[in-house]
């Protein structure tokens, strides 16, 4: 005998799956853009002056640049999305005076332009 021996070492299924999944994730194919869309959802539609309201903004598109939320009281917040296809951001705002406010969120996409969504809140 030559002193060499051959031993088969089974590859665990989890490791094999990980290797295949990793190779698949390195694809050079680009994804088709999603239809440009935006939704704004307030945590509540009525509040007292000084109380915070959360506004959940969900957006999708081909190459999102950013989201601007204008609160209707001459203030706004922005969030950069860095070219993402989807974004889900919570903006928090407290209105200082009683009244009815139209809160508008605008998403900007590098390819499809802009789209708005709005919601009305009452501060009393």
Protein backbone atom coordinates (compact mmCIF):
# COMPACT_ATOMS: atom_id res chain seq x y z
CA UNK A 1 0.00 0.00 0.00
CA UNK A 2 1.14 3.47 -0.73
CA UNK A 3 0.13 5.03 2.58
CA UNK A 4 -2.40 7.37 0.96
CA UNK A 5 -5.98 7.04 1.95
CA UNK A 6 -9.04 8.75 0.64
CA UNK A 7 -11.75 9.80 3.06
CA UNK A 8 -15.03 11.34 1.99
CA UNK A 9 -16.12 14.24 4.14
CA UNK A 10 -19.82 15.04 3.74
CA UNK A 11 -20.67 18.71 3.28
CA UNK A 12 -23.38 19.78 5.73
CA UNK A 13 -26.57 20.81 3.92
CA UNK A 14 -26.65 24.17 5.69
CA UNK A 15 -23.17 25.03 4.44
CA UNK A 16 -24.05 23.97 0.90
CA UNK A 17 -27.25 26.06 1.00
CA UNK A 18 -25.32 29.08 2.32
CA UNK A 19 -22.75 28.77 -0.45
CA UNK A 20 -25.41 28.54 -3.15
CA UNK A 21 -27.44 31.41 -1.66
CA UNK A 22 -24.34 33.58 -1.46
CA UNK A 23 -23.43 32.88 -5.07
CA UNK A 24 -26.98 33.73 -6.12
CA UNK A 25 -26.83 37.03 -4.23
CA UNK A 26 -23.80 38.11 -6.29
CA UNK A 27 -25.78 38.29 -9.52
CA UNK A 28 -24.99 41.16 -11.86
CA UNK A 29 -28.58 41.36 -13.08
CA UNK A 30 -30.37 44.59 -12.18
CA UNK A 31 -33.84 44.60 -10.72
CA UNK A 32 -36.73 46.17 -12.58
CA UNK A 33 -37.88 49.45 -11.00
CA UNK A 34 -40.92 49.33 -8.76
CA UNK A 35 -43.86 51.59 -9.59
CA UNK A 36 -43.43 54.93 -7.81
CA UNK A 37 -45.75 55.04 -4.81
CA UNK A 38 -46.00 56.68 -1.39
CA UNK A 39 -48.32 56.25 1.59
CA UNK A 40 -48.50 58.32 4.79
CA UNK A 41 -50.14 56.93 7.95
CA UNK A 42 -50.51 59.03 11.13
CA UNK A 43 -50.45 57.34 14.54
CA UNK A 44 -53.59 59.39 15.27
CA UNK A 45 -55.57 62.11 13.52
CA UNK A 46 -56.40 64.24 16.58
CA UNK A 47 -54.11 65.53 19.30
CA UNK A 48 -53.66 68.40 21.73
CA UNK A 49 -51.16 71.19 21.04
CA UNK A 50 -47.68 70.00 22.01
CA UNK A 51 -48.53 66.29 21.73
CA UNK A 52 -46.47 64.33 19.21
CA UNK A 53 -47.92 62.45 16.25
CA UNK A 54 -45.90 59.82 14.38
CA UNK A 55 -46.23 59.75 10.60
CA UNK A 56 -45.19 56.46 9.01
CA UNK A 57 -44.19 57.06 5.39
CA UNK A 58 -43.72 54.07 3.06
CA UNK A 59 -42.38 54.61 -0.44
CA UNK A 60 -41.16 52.55 -3.37
CA UNK A 61 -39.67 53.26 -6.77
CA UNK A 62 -36.72 52.61 -9.03
CA UNK A 63 -34.07 54.79 -7.39
CA UNK A 64 -35.44 56.82 -4.48
CA UNK A 65 -33.52 59.99 -3.69
CA UNK A 66 -35.42 61.23 -0.65
CA UNK A 67 -38.64 61.96 1.20
CA UNK A 68 -39.82 65.37 2.41
CA UNK A 69 -42.69 65.66 4.88
CA UNK A 70 -44.28 69.12 5.22
CA UNK A 71 -46.53 69.49 8.26
CA UNK A 72 -48.65 72.42 7.10
CA UNK A 73 -47.32 74.67 9.86
CA UNK A 74 -44.32 76.00 7.86
CA UNK A 75 -42.03 73.20 9.09
CA UNK A 76 -40.78 70.10 7.29
CA UNK A 77 -38.43 67.15 7.74
CA UNK A 78 -36.35 65.34 5.13
CA UNK A 79 -34.91 61.85 4.85
CA UNK A 80 -32.34 60.81 2.25
CA UNK A 81 -32.89 57.35 0.79
CA UNK A 82 -29.61 56.98 -1.13
CA UNK A 83 -30.99 55.30 -4.25
CA UNK A 84 -32.98 52.60 -2.44
CA UNK A 85 -35.95 50.88 -4.07
CA UNK A 86 -38.05 51.01 -0.89
CA UNK A 87 -38.16 53.18 2.23
CA UNK A 88 -40.12 53.08 5.46
CA UNK A 89 -39.57 56.12 7.69
CA UNK A 90 -41.31 57.44 10.80
CA UNK A 91 -41.42 61.22 11.16
CA UNK A 92 -42.43 62.61 14.58
CA UNK A 93 -43.98 66.05 14.94
CA UNK A 94 -45.74 68.13 17.60
CA UNK A 95 -47.99 70.98 16.48
CA UNK A 96 -47.85 74.04 18.73
CA UNK A 97 -51.21 75.61 17.83
CA UNK A 98 -54.77 74.35 17.48
CA UNK A 99 -56.08 73.93 13.95
CA UNK A 100 -56.47 71.54 11.05
CA UNK A 101 -53.26 70.69 9.23
CA UNK A 102 -52.65 69.04 5.87
CA UNK A 103 -49.49 66.91 6.22
CA UNK A 104 -47.91 66.11 2.86
CA UNK A 105 -45.07 63.69 2.11
CA UNK A 106 -43.27 63.82 -1.23
CA UNK A 107 -40.96 61.09 -2.50
CA UNK A 108 -38.45 61.89 -5.25
CA UNK A 109 -37.23 59.17 -7.60
CA UNK A 110 -34.25 59.65 -9.95
CA UNK A 111 -36.15 58.06 -12.83
CA UNK A 112 -39.89 58.52 -12.22
CA UNK A 113 -39.96 62.02 -10.70
CA UNK A 114 -42.10 62.84 -7.67
CA UNK A 115 -45.25 61.59 -6.03
CA UNK A 116 -47.21 62.98 -3.05
CA UNK A 117 -49.46 61.59 -0.36
CA UNK A 118 -51.25 63.61 2.30
CA UNK A 119 -53.34 63.26 5.42
CA UNK A 120 -55.29 65.74 7.51
CA UNK A 121 -54.81 66.01 11.29
CA UNK A 122 -56.76 68.10 13.79
CA UNK A 123 -55.09 69.74 16.76
CA UNK A 124 -57.54 70.93 19.45
